[in-house]
Every structure is written in structure tokens, then in C-alpha cells.
C-alpha atoms as a PDB file:
ATOM      1  CA  MET A   1     128.921 118.132  79.868  1.00  0.00           C
ATOM      2  CA  TRP A   2     131.223 117.780  82.887  1.00  0.00           C
ATOM      3  CA  LYS A   3     129.304 120.499  84.724  1.00  0.00           C
ATOM      4  CA  ALA A   4     125.961 118.811  84.000  1.00  0.00           C
ATOM      5  CA  ASP A   5     127.316 115.508  85.309  1.00  0.00           C
ATOM      6  CA  ARG A   6     128.371 117.234  88.521  1.00  0.00           C
ATOM      7  CA  VAL A   7     124.896 118.697  88.932  1.00  0.00           C
ATOM      8  CA  ASP A   8     123.285 115.266  88.427  1.00  0.00           C
ATOM      9  CA  ASP A   9     125.714 113.645  90.874  1.00  0.00           C
ATOM     10  CA  LYS A  10     124.995 116.352  93.423  1.00  0.00           C
ATOM     11  CA  GLY A  11     121.240 115.797  93.063  1.00  0.00           C
ATOM     12  CA  LYS A  12     121.640 112.064  93.583  1.00  0.00           C
ATOM     13  CA  MET A  13     123.816 112.629  96.638  1.00  0.00           C
ATOM     14  CA  ASP A  14     121.268 115.057  98.106  1.00  0.00           C
ATOM     15  CA  LYS A  15     118.476 112.466  97.710  1.00  0.00           C
ATOM     16  CA  LYS A  16     120.655 109.745  99.222  1.00  0.00           C
ATOM     17  CA  GLU A  17     121.619 111.917 102.191  1.00  0.00           C
ATOM     18  CA  ALA A  18     117.963 112.887 102.735  1.00  0.00           C
ATOM     19  CA  ALA A  19     116.932 109.206 102.738  1.00  0.00           C
ATOM     20  CA  GLU A  20     119.690 108.232 105.191  1.00  0.00           C
ATOM     21  CA  LYS A  21     118.813 111.159 107.469  1.00  0.00           C
ATOM     22  CA  ALA A  22     115.118 110.180 107.475  1.00  0.00           C
ATOM     23  CA  LEU A  23     115.995 106.619 108.421  1.00  0.00           C
ATOM     24  CA  ARG A  24     118.393 107.731 111.194  1.00  0.00           C
ATOM     25  CA  GLU A  25     115.643 109.898 112.664  1.00  0.00           C
ATOM     26  CA  GLY A  26     113.215 106.986 112.661  1.00  0.00           C
ATOM     27  CA  ARG A  27     111.131 108.213 109.754  1.00  0.00           C
ATOM     28  CA  SER A  28     110.386 105.934 106.831  1.00  0.00           C
ATOM     29  CA  HIS A  29     111.616 107.188 103.506  1.00  0.00           C
ATOM     30  CA  PHE A  30     108.628 105.444 101.948  1.00  0.00           C
ATOM     31  CA  GLU A  31     105.737 106.868 103.956  1.00  0.00           C
ATOM     32  CA  PHE A  32     102.539 107.309 101.939  1.00  0.00           C
ATOM     33  CA  ARG A  33     100.862 110.710 101.824  1.00  0.00           C
ATOM     34  CA  PRO A  34      97.521 111.883 100.420  1.00  0.00           C
ATOM     35  CA  GLU A  35      97.719 112.021  96.644  1.00  0.00           C
ATOM     36  CA  THR A  36      95.601 114.351  94.498  1.00  0.00           C
ATOM     37  CA  ARG A  37      96.849 113.600  91.015  1.00  0.00           C
ATOM     38  CA  ARG A  38      94.213 112.619  88.467  1.00  0.00           C
ATOM     39  CA  PHE A  39      95.496 109.687  86.430  1.00  0.00           C
ATOM     40  CA  LEU A  40      92.305 109.060  84.471  1.00  0.00           C
ATOM     41  CA  LEU A  41      92.521 112.436  82.747  1.00  0.00           C
ATOM     42  CA  ALA A  42      96.202 111.921  81.871  1.00  0.00           C
ATOM     43  CA  ASN A  43      95.438 108.540  80.243  1.00  0.00           C
ATOM     44  CA  ALA A  44      92.134 109.486  78.571  1.00  0.00           C
ATOM     45  CA  VAL A  45      93.571 109.930  75.079  1.00  0.00           C
ATOM     46  CA  ASN A  46      95.484 106.632  75.179  1.00  0.00           C
ATOM     47  CA  ILE A  47      92.406 104.782  76.435  1.00  0.00           C
ATOM     48  CA  ALA A  48      90.210 106.285  73.717  1.00  0.00           C
ATOM     49  CA  ILE A  49      92.682 105.382  70.955  1.00  0.00           C
ATOM     50  CA  GLY A  50      93.085 101.838  72.269  1.00  0.00           C
ATOM     51  CA  ILE A  51      89.313 101.290  72.431  1.00  0.00           C
ATOM     52  CA  ALA A  52      88.902 102.735  68.927  1.00  0.00           C
ATOM     53  CA  LEU A  53      91.485 100.303  67.533  1.00  0.00           C
ATOM     54  CA  VAL A  54      89.676  97.352  69.106  1.00  0.00           C
ATOM     55  CA  ILE A  55      86.314  98.475  67.709  1.00  0.00           C
ATOM     56  CA  ILE A  56      87.779  98.966  64.217  1.00  0.00           C
ATOM     57  CA  ALA A  57      89.368  95.496  64.250  1.00  0.00           C
ATOM     58  CA  TRP A  58      86.108  93.985  65.513  1.00  0.00           C
ATOM     59  CA  TRP A  59      84.093  95.730  62.777  1.00  0.00           C
ATOM     60  CA  VAL A  60      86.479  94.563  60.031  1.00  0.00           C
ATOM     61  CA  VAL A  61      86.300  90.947  61.242  1.00  0.00           C
ATOM     62  CA  ALA A  62      82.497  91.074  61.516  1.00  0.00           C
ATOM     63  CA  GLU A  63      82.042  92.434  57.996  1.00  0.00           C
ATOM     64  CA  ALA A  64      84.540  89.897  56.623  1.00  0.00           C
ATOM     65  CA  MET A  65      82.691  86.987  58.255  1.00  0.00           C
ATOM     66  CA  ILE A  66      79.361  88.245  56.929  1.00  0.00           C
ATOM     67  CA  ALA A  67      80.718  88.683  53.411  1.00  0.00           C
ATOM     68  CA  VAL A  68      82.795  85.502  53.180  1.00  0.00           C
ATOM     69  CA  ARG A  69      80.787  83.000  55.198  1.00  0.00           C
ATOM     70  CA  GLY A  70      77.368  84.594  55.320  1.00  0.00           C
ATOM     71  CA  ALA A  71      77.469  84.166  59.093  1.00  0.00           C
ATOM     72  CA  PHE A  72      75.538  86.332  61.494  1.00  0.00           C
ATOM     73  CA  PHE A  73      78.395  88.096  63.257  1.00  0.00           C
ATOM     74  CA  PRO A  74      77.331  90.944  65.582  1.00  0.00           C
ATOM     75  CA  THR A  75      78.742  94.292  64.445  1.00  0.00           C
ATOM     76  CA  PRO A  76      79.602  97.165  66.795  1.00  0.00           C
ATOM     77  CA  PRO A  77      76.438  99.193  65.960  1.00  0.00           C
ATOM     78  CA  GLU A  78      74.157  96.197  66.625  1.00  0.00           C
ATOM     79  CA  THR A  79      75.957  95.313  69.830  1.00  0.00           C
ATOM     80  CA  PHE A  80      76.073  98.834  71.243  1.00  0.00           C
ATOM     81  CA  SER A  81      72.394  99.284  70.399  1.00  0.00           C
ATOM     82  CA  ALA A  82      71.598  96.093  72.343  1.00  0.00           C
ATOM     83  CA  LEU A  83      73.860  97.272  75.184  1.00  0.00           C
ATOM     84  CA  TRP A  84      71.936 100.554  75.370  1.00  0.00           C
ATOM     85  CA  GLU A  85      68.640  98.647  75.576  1.00  0.00           C
ATOM     86  CA  ALA A  86      70.096  96.375  78.263  1.00  0.00           C
ATOM     87  CA  LEU A  87      71.232  99.389  80.275  1.00  0.00           C
ATOM     88  CA  GLY A  88      67.685 100.673  79.957  1.00  0.00           C
ATOM     89  CA  GLY A  89      66.335  97.563  81.667  1.00  0.00           C
ATOM     90  CA  ALA A  90      65.811  95.059  78.845  1.00  0.00           C
ATOM     91  CA  LYS A  91      66.314  91.494  80.085  1.00  0.00           C
ATOM     92  CA  ILE A  92      69.041  89.143  78.881  1.00  0.00           C
ATOM     93  CA  ASN A  93      68.806  85.461  79.728  1.00  0.00           C
ATOM     94  CA  GLY A  94      65.867  86.130  82.041  1.00  0.00           C
ATOM     95  CA  ALA A  95      67.423  88.981  84.056  1.00  0.00           C
ATOM     96  CA  THR A  96      68.778  92.494  83.636  1.00  0.00           C
ATOM     97  CA  ILE A  97      72.412  93.129  82.799  1.00  0.00           C
ATOM     98  CA  TYR A  98      72.767  94.745  86.231  1.00  0.00           C
ATOM     99  CA  PHE A  99      71.675  91.552  87.986  1.00  0.00           C
ATOM    100  CA  HIS A 100      74.043  89.407  85.911  1.00  0.00           C
ATOM    101  CA  THR A 101      76.926  91.807  86.536  1.00  0.00           C
ATOM    102  CA  ARG A 102      76.246  92.015  90.263  1.00  0.00           C
ATOM    103  CA  SER A 103      76.095  88.227  90.552  1.00  0.00           C
ATOM    104  CA  SER A 104      79.467  87.847  88.812  1.00  0.00           C
ATOM    105  CA  LEU A 105      81.055  90.649  90.834  1.00  0.00           C
ATOM    106  CA  VAL A 106      79.899  89.131  94.135  1.00  0.00           C
ATOM    107  CA  ARG A 107      81.460  85.762  93.260  1.00  0.00           C
ATOM    108  CA  TRP A 108      84.641  87.353  92.025  1.00  0.00           C
ATOM    109  CA  GLY A 109      84.850  89.803  94.928  1.00  0.00           C
ATOM    110  CA  LEU A 110      84.574  87.097  97.566  1.00  0.00           C
ATOM    111  CA  GLY A 111      87.132  84.818  95.920  1.00  0.00           C
ATOM    112  CA  TYR A 112      89.570  87.653  95.240  1.00  0.00           C
ATOM    113  CA  ALA A 113      89.221  89.095  98.743  1.00  0.00           C
ATOM    114  CA  LEU A 114      90.098  85.713 100.243  1.00  0.00           C
ATOM    115  CA  ALA A 115      93.083  85.410  97.888  1.00  0.00           C
ATOM    116  CA  LEU A 116      94.220  88.925  98.764  1.00  0.00           C
ATOM    117  CA  VAL A 117      94.107  88.354 102.530  1.00  0.00           C
ATOM    118  CA  ILE A 118      95.642  84.883 102.494  1.00  0.00           C
ATOM    119  CA  GLY A 119      98.183  85.760  99.795  1.00  0.00           C
ATOM    120  CA  THR A 120      99.386  88.945 101.477  1.00  0.00           C
ATOM    121  CA  ILE A 121      99.812  87.308 104.890  1.00  0.00           C
ATOM    122  CA  ALA A 122     101.564  84.276 103.417  1.00  0.00           C
ATOM    123  CA  GLY A 123     103.740  86.462 101.194  1.00  0.00           C
ATOM    124  CA  MET A 124     104.853  88.626 104.106  1.00  0.00           C
ATOM    125  CA  ALA A 125     105.651  85.541 106.186  1.00  0.00           C
ATOM    126  CA  PHE A 126     107.625  83.897 103.378  1.00  0.00           C
ATOM    127  CA  GLY A 127     109.370  87.174 102.551  1.00  0.00           C
ATOM    128  CA  THR A 128     110.772  87.632 106.048  1.00  0.00           C
ATOM    129  CA  MET A 129     111.571  84.026 106.987  1.00  0.00           C
ATOM    130  CA  GLY A 130     114.147  82.345 104.791  1.00  0.00           C
ATOM    131  CA  ARG A 131     113.357  78.779 105.800  1.00  0.00           C
ATOM    132  CA  ALA A 132     109.614  79.314 105.362  1.00  0.00           C
ATOM    133  CA  TYR A 133     110.298  80.781 101.919  1.00  0.00           C
ATOM    134  CA  ASP A 134     112.373  77.805 100.793  1.00  0.00           C
ATOM    135  CA  ILE A 135     109.702  75.308 101.858  1.00  0.00           C
ATOM    136  CA  GLY A 136     106.448  77.247 101.505  1.00  0.00           C
ATOM    137  CA  MET A 137     107.022  78.576  98.009  1.00  0.00           C
ATOM    138  CA  VAL A 138     107.233  75.055  96.572  1.00  0.00           C
ATOM    139  CA  PRO A 139     103.489  74.331  96.917  1.00  0.00           C
ATOM    140  CA  VAL A 140     102.740  77.895  95.770  1.00  0.00           C
ATOM    141  CA  TYR A 141     104.622  77.297  92.521  1.00  0.00           C
ATOM    142  CA  ILE A 142     102.858  73.948  92.106  1.00  0.00           C
ATOM    143  CA  VAL A 143      99.437  75.590  92.486  1.00  0.00           C
ATOM    144  CA  GLN A 144     100.462  78.311  90.043  1.00  0.00           C
ATOM    145  CA  MET A 145     101.156  75.701  87.365  1.00  0.00           C
ATOM    146  CA  ILE A 146      97.602  74.311  87.526  1.00  0.00           C
ATOM    147  CA  PRO A 147      95.322  75.930  84.891  1.00  0.00           C
ATOM    148  CA  GLY A 148      92.269  77.638  86.297  1.00  0.00           C
ATOM    149  CA  MET A 149      89.761  75.306  84.687  1.00  0.00           C
ATOM    150  CA  ALA A 150      91.669  72.263  85.957  1.00  0.00           C
ATOM    151  CA  TRP A 151      90.272  73.169  89.392  1.00  0.00           C
ATOM    152  CA  VAL A 152      86.710  72.518  88.190  1.00  0.00           C
ATOM    153  CA  PRO A 153      86.585  68.755  88.974  1.00  0.00           C
ATOM    154  CA  ILE A 154      88.287  69.351  92.341  1.00  0.00           C
ATOM    155  CA  ALA A 155      85.822  72.120  93.180  1.00  0.00           C
ATOM    156  CA  MET A 156      82.896  69.913  92.175  1.00  0.00           C
ATOM    157  CA  LEU A 157      84.145  67.040  94.352  1.00  0.00           C
ATOM    158  CA  ILE A 158      84.554  69.320  97.380  1.00  0.00           C
ATOM    159  CA  PHE A 159      81.634  71.747  97.002  1.00  0.00           C
ATOM    160  CA  GLY A 160      79.404  70.340  94.279  1.00  0.00           C
ATOM    161  CA  LEU A 161      77.816  72.763  91.814  1.00  0.00           C
ATOM    162  CA  GLY A 162      77.111  76.364  92.705  1.00  0.00           C
ATOM    163  CA  GLU A 163      78.558  79.468  94.279  1.00  0.00           C
ATOM    164  CA  SER A 164      81.105  77.900  96.652  1.00  0.00           C
ATOM    165  CA  ALA A 165      82.791  75.959  93.852  1.00  0.00           C
ATOM    166  CA  THR A 166      83.139  79.134  91.763  1.00  0.00           C
ATOM    167  CA  VAL A 167      84.605  81.109  94.676  1.00  0.00           C
ATOM    168  CA  PHE A 168      87.067  78.289  95.375  1.00  0.00           C
ATOM    169  CA  ILE A 169      88.310  78.278  91.768  1.00  0.00           C
ATOM    170  CA  ILE A 170      88.801  82.062  91.839  1.00  0.00           C
ATOM    171  CA  LEU A 171      90.703  81.787  95.127  1.00  0.00           C
ATOM    172  CA  MET A 172      93.072  79.107  93.887  1.00  0.00           C
ATOM    173  CA  THR A 173      93.737  80.942  90.618  1.00  0.00           C
ATOM    174  CA  ALA A 174      94.294  84.416  92.083  1.00  0.00           C
ATOM    175  CA  LEU A 175      96.328  83.319  95.122  1.00  0.00           C
ATOM    176  CA  PRO A 176      99.752  82.270  93.691  1.00  0.00           C
ATOM    177  CA  PRO A 177     100.772  85.550  91.972  1.00  0.00           C
ATOM    178  CA  ILE A 178      99.854  87.528  95.085  1.00  0.00           C
ATOM    179  CA  VAL A 179     101.993  85.305  97.320  1.00  0.00           C
ATOM    180  CA  ILE A 180     104.924  85.198  94.890  1.00  0.00           C
ATOM    181  CA  ASN A 181     105.066  88.941  94.247  1.00  0.00           C
ATOM    182  CA  THR A 182     104.547  89.914  97.882  1.00  0.00           C
ATOM    183  CA  ALA A 183     107.277  87.570  99.123  1.00  0.00           C
ATOM    184  CA  GLY A 184     109.632  88.534  96.308  1.00  0.00           C
ATOM    185  CA  GLY A 185     109.097  92.254  96.841  1.00  0.00           C
ATOM    186  CA  ILE A 186     109.785  92.075 100.564  1.00  0.00           C
ATOM    187  CA  ARG A 187     112.915  89.971 100.010  1.00  0.00           C
ATOM    188  CA  GLN A 188     114.200  92.606  97.575  1.00  0.00           C
ATOM    189  CA  ALA A 189     113.870  95.450 100.100  1.00  0.00           C
ATOM    190  CA  PRO A 190     117.390  96.653 101.104  1.00  0.00           C
ATOM    191  CA  PRO A 191     118.267  95.117 104.511  1.00  0.00           C
ATOM    192  CA  ILE A 192     119.570  98.476 105.742  1.00  0.00           C
ATOM    193  CA  TYR A 193     116.009  99.797 105.890  1.00  0.00           C
ATOM    194  CA  SER A 194     115.013  97.101 108.363  1.00  0.00           C
ATOM    195  CA  ARG A 195     118.147  97.511 110.477  1.00  0.00           C
ATOM    196  CA  VAL A 196     117.839 101.275 110.716  1.00  0.00           C
ATOM    197  CA  ALA A 197     114.107 101.102 111.453  1.00  0.00           C
ATOM    198  CA  LEU A 198     114.646  98.608 114.295  1.00  0.00           C
ATOM    199  CA  MET A 199     117.553 100.621 115.675  1.00  0.00           C
ATOM    200  CA  SER A 200     115.351 103.723 115.693  1.00  0.00           C
ATOM    201  CA  GLY A 201     112.868 101.985 117.973  1.00  0.00           C
ATOM    202  CA  LYS A 202     110.211 100.820 115.540  1.00  0.00           C
ATOM    203  CA  ASP A 203     108.385  97.617 116.463  1.00  0.00           C
ATOM    204  CA  HIS A 204     107.845  94.808 113.971  1.00  0.00           C
ATOM    205  CA  PHE A 205     104.377  96.028 113.008  1.00  0.00           C
ATOM    206  CA  SER A 206     105.759  99.478 112.154  1.00  0.00           C
ATOM    207  CA  LEU A 207     108.610  97.807 110.296  1.00  0.00           C
ATOM    208  CA  PHE A 208     106.102  96.071 108.048  1.00  0.00           C
ATOM    209  CA  ALA A 209     103.671  98.952 107.720  1.00  0.00           C
ATOM    210  CA  LYS A 210     106.126 101.812 107.161  1.00  0.00           C
ATOM    211  CA  VAL A 211     109.238 100.197 105.699  1.00  0.00           C
ATOM    212  CA  LEU A 212     108.911  96.733 104.154  1.00  0.00           C
ATOM    213  CA  ILE A 213     105.454  96.960 102.566  1.00  0.00           C
ATOM    214  CA  PRO A 214     106.004 100.443 101.067  1.00  0.00           C
ATOM    215  CA  ALA A 215     109.446  99.400  99.781  1.00  0.00           C
ATOM    216  CA  ALA A 216     107.880  96.312  98.164  1.00  0.00           C
ATOM    217  CA  ALA A 217     104.749  98.165  97.051  1.00  0.00           C
ATOM    218  CA  LEU A 218     105.319  97.949  93.284  1.00  0.00           C
ATOM    219  CA  PRO A 219     105.821  94.147  93.175  1.00  0.00           C
ATOM    220  CA  ILE A 220     102.854  93.732  95.526  1.00  0.00           C
ATOM    221  CA  ILE A 221     100.649  95.818  93.217  1.00  0.00           C
ATOM    222  CA  ASP A 222     101.788  93.738  90.238  1.00  0.00           C
ATOM    223  CA  GLY A 223     100.814  90.557  92.099  1.00  0.00           C
ATOM    224  CA  MET A 224      97.415  92.003  92.965  1.00  0.00           C
ATOM    225  CA  ARG A 225      96.913  93.024  89.324  1.00  0.00           C
ATOM    226  CA  ILE A 226      97.828  89.572  87.967  1.00  0.00           C
ATOM    227  CA  GLY A 227      95.727  87.824  90.611  1.00  0.00           C
ATOM    228  CA  LEU A 228      92.728  89.994  89.808  1.00  0.00           C
ATOM    229  CA  ALA A 229      93.000  89.300  86.084  1.00  0.00           C
ATOM    230  CA  ASN A 230      93.405  85.562  86.676  1.00  0.00           C
ATOM    231  CA  GLY A 231      90.403  85.472  88.989  1.00  0.00           C
ATOM    232  CA  TRP A 232      88.208  87.512  86.645  1.00  0.00           C
ATOM    233  CA  ARG A 233      88.979  85.319  83.638  1.00  0.00           C
ATOM    234  CA  VAL A 234      88.403  82.053  85.477  1.00  0.00           C
ATOM    235  CA  LEU A 235      85.168  83.403  86.984  1.00  0.00           C
ATOM    236  CA  ILE A 236      83.617  83.765  83.544  1.00  0.00           C
ATOM    237  CA  ALA A 237      84.811  80.306  82.509  1.00  0.00           C
ATOM    238  CA  ALA A 238      83.633  78.736  85.784  1.00  0.00           C
ATOM    239  CA  GLU A 239      80.160  80.243  85.388  1.00  0.00           C
ATOM    240  CA  MET A 240      80.000  78.685  81.949  1.00  0.00           C
ATOM    241  CA  VAL A 241      80.897  75.222  83.281  1.00  0.00           C
ATOM    242  CA  LEU A 242      79.502  74.953  86.804  1.00  0.00           C
ATOM    243  CA  GLY A 243      75.894  75.533  85.917  1.00  0.00           C
ATOM    244  CA  THR A 244      75.229  78.889  87.574  1.00  0.00           C
ATOM    245  CA  MET A 245      71.946  80.248  86.288  1.00  0.00           C
ATOM    246  CA  VAL A 246      72.892  83.937  86.339  1.00  0.00           C
ATOM    247  CA  GLY A 247      76.071  85.881  85.673  1.00  0.00           C
ATOM    248  CA  LEU A 248      77.956  87.221  82.692  1.00  0.00           C
ATOM    249  CA  GLY A 249      79.637  83.885  81.973  1.00  0.00           C
ATOM    250  CA  ALA A 250      76.376  81.989  82.330  1.00  0.00           C
ATOM    251  CA  THR A 251      74.730  84.347  79.838  1.00  0.00           C
ATOM    252  CA  ILE A 252      77.530  83.828  77.314  1.00  0.00           C
ATOM    253  CA  GLU A 253      77.146  80.062  77.704  1.00  0.00           C
ATOM    254  CA  ASP A 254      73.376  80.301  77.249  1.00  0.00           C
ATOM    255  CA  SER A 255      73.832  82.230  74.003  1.00  0.00           C
ATOM    256  CA  ARG A 256      75.295  79.086  72.413  1.00  0.00           C
ATOM    257  CA  TYR A 257      71.929  77.364  72.693  1.00  0.00           C
ATOM    258  CA  SER A 258      69.636  80.341  72.130  1.00  0.00           C
ATOM    259  CA  LEU A 259      71.818  81.663  69.239  1.00  0.00           C
ATOM    260  CA  ASP A 260      71.526  85.108  70.819  1.00  0.00           C
ATOM    261  CA  PHE A 261      75.096  86.083  69.959  1.00  0.00           C
ATOM    262  CA  VAL A 262      74.406  89.806  70.323  1.00  0.00           C
ATOM    263  CA  SER A 263      73.686  89.270  74.031  1.00  0.00           C
ATOM    264  CA  ALA A 264      76.960  87.346  74.322  1.00  0.00           C
ATOM    265  CA  PHE A 265      78.818  90.295  72.813  1.00  0.00           C
ATOM    266  CA  VAL A 266      77.016  92.658  75.187  1.00  0.00           C
ATOM    267  CA  CYS A 267      78.313  90.616  78.128  1.00  0.00           C
ATOM    268  CA  ILE A 268      81.819  90.593  76.642  1.00  0.00           C
ATOM    269  CA  ILE A 269      81.737  94.395  76.438  1.00  0.00           C
ATOM    270  CA  VAL A 270      80.644  94.628  80.078  1.00  0.00           C
ATOM    271  CA  ILE A 271      83.446  92.251  81.087  1.00  0.00           C
ATOM    272  CA  CYS A 272      86.024  94.341  79.225  1.00  0.00           C
ATOM    273  CA  LEU A 273      84.709  97.623  80.652  1.00  0.00           C
ATOM    274  CA  ILE A 274      84.873  96.301  84.208  1.00  0.00           C
ATOM    275  CA  GLY A 275      88.428  95.048  83.721  1.00  0.00           C
ATOM    276  CA  LEU A 276      89.555  98.288  82.070  1.00  0.00           C
ATOM    277  CA  THR A 277      87.952 100.387  84.788  1.00  0.00           C
ATOM    278  CA  ILE A 278      89.622  98.440  87.585  1.00  0.00           C
ATOM    279  CA  GLU A 279      92.990  98.580  85.817  1.00  0.00           C
ATOM    280  CA  LYS A 280      92.930 102.296  85.016  1.00  0.00           C
ATOM    281  CA  LEU A 281      91.113 103.678  88.059  1.00  0.00           C
ATOM    282  CA  LEU A 282      92.623 101.404  90.707  1.00  0.00           C
ATOM    283  CA  PHE A 283      95.918  99.815  89.753  1.00  0.00           C
ATOM    284  CA  SER A 284      97.348 102.416  87.379  1.00  0.00           C
ATOM    285  CA  GLY A 285      96.430 105.188  89.803  1.00  0.00           C
ATOM    286  CA  LEU A 286      97.803 103.325  92.800  1.00  0.00           C
ATOM    287  CA  GLU A 287     101.001 102.479  90.921  1.00  0.00           C
ATOM    288  CA  GLY A 288     101.474 106.129  89.958  1.00  0.00           C
ATOM    289  CA  VAL A 289     101.054 107.246  93.569  1.00  0.00           C
ATOM    290  CA  VAL A 290     103.579 104.675  94.795  1.00  0.00           C
ATOM    291  CA  ARG A 291     106.099 105.574  92.114  1.00  0.00           C
ATOM    292  CA  ASN A 292     105.833 109.210  93.149  1.00  0.00           C
ATOM    293  CA  ARG A 293     106.354 108.354  96.813  1.00  0.00           C
ATOM    294  CA  LEU A 294     109.411 106.297  95.897  1.00  0.00           C
ATOM    295  CA  GLY A 295     110.828 109.103  93.779  1.00  0.00           C
ATOM    296  CA  LEU A 296     110.693 107.038  90.566  1.00  0.00           C
ATOM    297  CA  GLU A 297     108.916 109.724  88.537  1.00  0.00           C
ATOM    298  CA  GLU A 298     108.592 113.452  88.662  1.00  0.00           C
ATOM    299  CA  GLU A 299     105.523 115.210  90.002  1.00  0.00           C
ATOM    300  CA  GLY A 300     103.214 116.260  87.173  1.00  0.00           C
END
């Protein structure tokens, strides 16, 4: 046991000495490199099991509602059959599922992109300037406390009904977690990294790009992930309230009046698939790459 402890201590010391040497030579210990790992394949079994559990629970609830209440509750076979027809070009709420999905993605993409740019810049500024952090984070926390749908009357007063109001609501809902996590991650970066980088001749841009942002990468990714989820959820709700004629949320809202609940479930499946795809292909993969670069997990 004592020998094993010595080996572990030696390994830790070697990593620490390598990091200090890289910083003394002006190289960032956290530089990103091309990554070729395939995270989707590694998570395929877990994803399949998770989806199967959801479908089983859905099927049980549907059959129970049909048996107990005599209600028409769409079952998985009915819904997936309708989804297959929709993917083949059948129209839902006057348009194809592709048109509805594209319309929702455009609204969400614009609002989230604005939140990402503004939130990252503000977070970096607050993370490096103590006084700005103390003052600027107060309104950020206030905005974070406002529920997404509470922005609807404000958006209507400023923009009226339509696309701009929806984009505004997505922006205001996705922005706070991005700012908070970016600022917090940068403030948690060890000060020695900044001092050594500046002493080695790096300018402030290189300090951000090669030291602070990589060191704060995991909190930043978490903020992006939370902001994306917040924006996606409020998009669907905003489409249901603000009177947009097309979109996944608008189609779900229309199903209340047309009693076409199967189409509503089709849209819910599309919403879930988009969210799962973004999470597993983008954020989980990006997080795995960053953790590897930071030495937090072994190469697979």
C-alpha cells in the first residue's frame, strides 16, 4: 500500500511539474487540440435504454387512461405511425413537420445566438473586473428570477405579436445562466495562470483565449447548456401564447381546438429528439473533449 501511494504521489508531482514548466515556457496547459473520440457510440446503449423507459412509461399511462377514463390518449404505435407519415410529407396544422421545425429552430437559434454572444462577453467582463462583478451581477440575478412566460406581456408591449417578441423572450431567458456561469468560471481560474501567462509575454487576448476561457471551459459549457434548455422550453410556450401561425409550439396549441392530439404528440417527440440530439452530440461531446484536455479523465 505504501509503495502504491508513492507511485500515485509521483504521478501527481510529474503532472504538476509538467503544468508549471508549460506555463513558464509561455505555453498554456489548457490548449485545445483536435479530438477524434466518438462520444455518441460510447453513450448509445444508455440513450437506447433511457428512451425505452420513457416509451414504456408513456404506453402504460396511455393504456391506463383509455381503460379507466375512456379517453383518447395517443399510444406510442399511433404516434410513431403519424410521425412516419409526417416525415413522409403529410401536413400537420397546414404545413409539413419540416416547415414547423425549421420555423421554431430559426426563432430559437436567433434568440440563443444573441444570448450566447451577449452573455459570454458580459460574463468575461464581470469575471475579470471585481467592481463590475459586484454591481453587474445584481441585475443578472434579478432577470434570472423572472419566469420565462412572465416576459410575454413585456415582449408584447415592446414588440407586439410575432417573431421579434418570441426572440426577445428566448434571449432574456437564456442569457442569465450564460453570464453567471461564464463569470463564475473565470473567477475560479487559479490566479497563477494569469500571472505566469502575462509574465511570459502573452497579451490580454491570448490570456483570455488560451488560459482563462479554457480553464473556465466546464462552467461555461454548463451555462450554455442551461441557457439552451431554458430558451428551447420558453420558445415552445411563447409560440403557444404569442399567436405565431407555424412552429412546433403553435401546432401543439392548435391541437387543443382541433382535438388532433396525435399531432401534438408528434411535435413533442420532435422537440425531445432535437433536445436530446443537441445535448448528446454537442454538449456531452464538447464536455468530454474539455475534460480530456484538462486531464480530468483518462483517454479511452
